Protein backbone atom coordinates (compact mmCIF):
# COMPACT_ATOMS: atom_id res chain seq x y z
CA UNK A 1 0.00 0.00 0.00
CA UNK A 2 2.63 2.55 1.09
CA UNK A 3 6.09 2.11 -0.36
CA UNK A 4 7.93 4.90 1.47
CA UNK A 5 7.17 6.42 4.88
CA UNK A 6 8.32 9.83 6.13
CA UNK A 7 8.80 10.22 9.89
CA UNK A 8 9.50 13.77 11.09
CA UNK A 9 11.35 13.87 14.42
CA UNK A 10 11.95 16.80 16.73
CA UNK A 11 14.26 15.06 19.17
CA UNK A 12 11.59 14.43 21.81
CA UNK A 13 10.43 11.09 23.21
CA UNK A 14 6.95 11.96 21.95
CA UNK A 15 8.15 12.26 18.36
CA UNK A 16 9.94 8.93 18.71
CA UNK A 17 6.57 7.26 19.47
CA UNK A 18 5.78 7.71 15.77
CA UNK A 19 8.68 5.41 14.88
CA UNK A 20 7.04 2.30 16.35
CA UNK A 21 3.77 3.07 14.54
CA UNK A 22 5.60 3.65 11.27
CA UNK A 23 7.59 0.46 11.70
CA UNK A 24 4.41 -1.57 12.21
CA UNK A 25 2.80 0.13 9.23
CA UNK A 26 5.88 -0.50 7.09
CA UNK A 27 6.07 -4.16 7.95
CA UNK A 28 2.31 -4.59 7.54
CA UNK A 29 2.41 -3.03 4.08
CA UNK A 30 5.57 -4.83 3.03
CA UNK A 31 7.32 -1.47 2.91
CA UNK A 32 10.92 -1.35 3.86
CA UNK A 33 11.78 2.27 2.97
CA UNK A 34 11.60 4.90 5.71
CA UNK A 35 13.00 8.43 5.84
CA UNK A 36 13.62 10.08 9.20
CA UNK A 37 13.50 13.85 8.86
CA UNK A 38 14.88 16.14 11.54
CA UNK A 39 14.13 19.82 11.03
CA UNK A 40 15.97 22.39 13.10
CA UNK A 41 15.00 26.02 13.16
CA UNK A 42 18.05 28.14 12.56
CA UNK A 43 19.41 29.59 15.75
CA UNK A 44 21.32 32.78 15.26
CA UNK A 45 24.24 34.04 17.23
CA UNK A 46 25.86 37.35 16.59
CA UNK A 47 29.38 38.57 16.06
CA UNK A 48 30.78 41.91 15.09
CA UNK A 49 32.19 42.17 11.61
CA UNK A 50 34.03 45.11 10.18
CA UNK A 51 33.19 45.69 6.53
CA UNK A 52 36.54 46.96 5.33
CA UNK A 53 35.63 47.00 1.67
CA UNK A 54 32.97 49.67 1.99
CA UNK A 55 34.50 51.72 4.79
CA UNK A 56 31.37 51.59 6.94
CA UNK A 57 31.17 51.33 10.72
CA UNK A 58 31.04 47.93 12.41
CA UNK A 59 27.83 46.07 11.77
CA UNK A 60 26.24 43.06 13.36
CA UNK A 61 25.60 40.06 11.12
CA UNK A 62 24.04 36.77 11.96
CA UNK A 63 26.20 33.69 12.19
CA UNK A 64 24.70 30.22 12.57
CA UNK A 65 25.20 28.44 15.85
CA UNK A 66 26.11 24.99 14.63
CA UNK A 67 26.24 22.87 17.80
CA UNK A 68 22.47 22.46 17.84
CA UNK A 69 22.54 21.50 14.17
CA UNK A 70 25.38 19.00 14.67
CA UNK A 71 23.55 17.42 17.62
CA UNK A 72 20.35 17.13 15.57
CA UNK A 73 22.25 15.44 12.74
CA UNK A 74 23.83 12.93 15.12
CA UNK A 75 20.42 12.24 16.67
CA UNK A 76 18.67 11.49 13.37
CA UNK A 77 21.58 9.31 12.23
CA UNK A 78 21.41 7.33 15.48
CA UNK A 79 17.65 6.81 15.12
CA UNK A 80 18.11 5.70 11.50
CA UNK A 81 20.73 3.14 12.55
CA UNK A 82 18.30 1.67 15.09
CA UNK A 83 15.63 1.23 12.41
CA UNK A 84 18.13 -0.20 9.94
CA UNK A 85 19.06 -2.84 12.49
CA UNK A 86 15.40 -3.88 12.52
CA UNK A 87 15.44 -4.61 8.79
CA UNK A 88 14.14 -1.36 7.29
CA UNK A 89 15.93 0.58 4.57
CA UNK A 90 16.30 3.85 6.41
CA UNK A 91 17.38 7.25 5.21
CA UNK A 92 18.09 10.18 7.48
CA UNK A 93 17.89 13.81 6.56
CA UNK A 94 18.62 17.00 8.48
CA UNK A 95 17.01 20.19 7.26
CA UNK A 96 17.47 23.71 8.62
CA UNK A 97 14.32 25.83 8.44
CA UNK A 98 10.69 26.05 9.44
CA UNK A 99 9.56 22.57 10.60
CA UNK A 100 6.07 22.51 9.03
CA UNK A 101 7.25 23.95 5.72
CA UNK A 102 10.22 21.59 5.53
CA UNK A 103 8.08 18.52 6.26
CA UNK A 104 5.51 19.49 3.64
CA UNK A 105 8.20 20.29 1.07
CA UNK A 106 10.03 17.02 1.67
CA UNK A 107 6.81 15.01 1.42
CA UNK A 108 5.97 16.61 -1.92
CA UNK A 109 9.48 16.31 -3.39
CA UNK A 110 10.42 12.81 -2.30
CA UNK A 111 9.08 9.31 -2.90
CA UNK A 112 7.24 9.29 0.43
CA UNK A 113 3.60 8.25 0.30
CA UNK A 114 2.57 8.81 3.94
CA UNK A 115 3.78 10.92 6.85
CA UNK A 116 3.72 9.34 10.30
CA UNK A 117 4.30 11.94 12.99
CA UNK A 118 3.57 12.71 16.61
CA UNK A 119 1.40 15.54 17.85
CA UNK A 120 1.40 17.11 21.29
CA UNK A 121 -2.38 17.22 21.09
CA UNK A 122 -2.69 20.88 22.03
CA UNK A 123 -5.94 22.59 21.35
CA UNK A 124 -7.49 25.99 21.80
CA UNK A 125 -5.31 28.70 23.26
CA UNK A 126 -2.23 26.44 23.62
CA UNK A 127 -2.24 25.58 19.92
CA UNK A 128 -2.92 29.19 18.98
CA UNK A 129 -0.12 30.54 21.18
CA UNK A 130 2.49 27.90 20.35
CA UNK A 131 1.41 26.91 16.88
CA UNK A 132 1.15 23.33 15.84
CA UNK A 133 3.52 21.79 13.36
CA UNK A 134 1.29 18.73 13.07
CA UNK A 135 -1.78 20.88 12.41
CA UNK A 136 0.01 22.82 9.67
CA UNK A 137 1.26 19.60 8.07
CA UNK A 138 -2.18 17.96 8.15
CA UNK A 139 -3.80 21.01 6.57
CA UNK A 140 -1.23 21.52 3.82
CA UNK A 141 0.09 18.05 2.99
CA UNK A 142 -0.71 16.43 -0.32
CA UNK A 143 0.03 12.97 1.11
CA UNK A 144 -1.82 11.19 3.93
CA UNK A 145 -0.73 11.96 7.48
CA UNK A 146 -0.99 9.53 10.39
CA UNK A 147 -0.81 11.36 13.72
CA UNK A 148 0.32 9.68 16.92
CA UNK A 149 -1.16 11.41 19.96
CA UNK A 150 0.50 12.11 23.31
CA UNK A 151 -1.42 9.33 25.05
CA UNK A 152 -0.20 6.66 22.66
CA UNK A 153 1.97 4.06 24.36
CA UNK A 154 3.73 1.81 21.90
CA UNK A 155 6.28 -0.79 22.87
CA UNK A 156 9.55 -0.91 21.03
CA UNK A 157 10.52 2.76 20.88
């Protein structure tokens, strides 16, 4: 039924709950291809830079803080290795940007046929104030989305 599954991860235990669901879905469908996608919003640090070519006063420019990005890359690679050991062909991808937009873009421009992701299950004011990546993905995705709620307890994660 589904030949390739996309699993967005944010580094939390909740997001990892989606892995067990996706693994069961993959094995039930005879699918062995899974992509783990970790999206990190760019964190910006600042440093002073003197622009000597234009003879202007010092200006502040953004410079990426890469430790967070390196840690996220190591995390998604580690999770992919765990799934590979269980017999799935697993790809890992780290993307820097807006999480919802990156998930939607990757789903539309890759061979994935379903997104399996966790949701914090916020509603009302909490979802309005914090935004919901899952909600944005469900509303904008062109492929089916399977959401795993915060109350889901799945063995094997």
